[in-house]
Amino acid sequence: MKKQFLHIAKFVIFNILIISLAFFIAYKVRKYSLKKKSKKNETFMQWFNQGKITPKGLFVSLLFGIVFGFLDNFFLWMGIDNMTSFIPGGTLTKGAWGNTYSDFIGATVGAAIASIGVDLVGVDTSPPIWINAIAMPIGCIIGMLIGKAITTRN
């Protein structure tokens, strides 16, 4: 039990480090880009929130995140269920191919729906970066539950 806890703790710490590093680099690149263009510097929170948070911006970002997450897990579930006998390799290889397929569907359709949302709602600013981090897991859980219910597979 202690060995399992240590393993999962290392995994969680690794993920936190990767996310932190990605945000740190993205923020530093943003600061460099603003300086190069002789524009006003942003604090980390200004960058993270993409300026002023508006209800419309939150809505569009939630829409994209939930739709992407839903489609990603739903089509992963349905893709693996329908294509597993056609995909060569073991469980991880089949899972990676299924993930590639579902990411393509989720990103493509999610971006289209977000574009529709932007035009219908009239958002002219970038939505906060952190909203997708909240919305995507919500959509993923919904997609997984519906995929499970439709296929009756675990």
Foldseek 3Di string as FASTA:
>chain_A
DVVVVVVVVVVVVVVVVVVVVVLVVVLVVVQVVCVVVVHDRDDSVCQQQQHDADPLLLVLLLQLLLQLLLQQQLQLLVVCVPCVVVQDDDDVSSSVVSNVVSNVVSVVVSVVVSVVSCVVSVDDTHGRPCSSVVNNVNNNVNNNVVSCVVVVDD
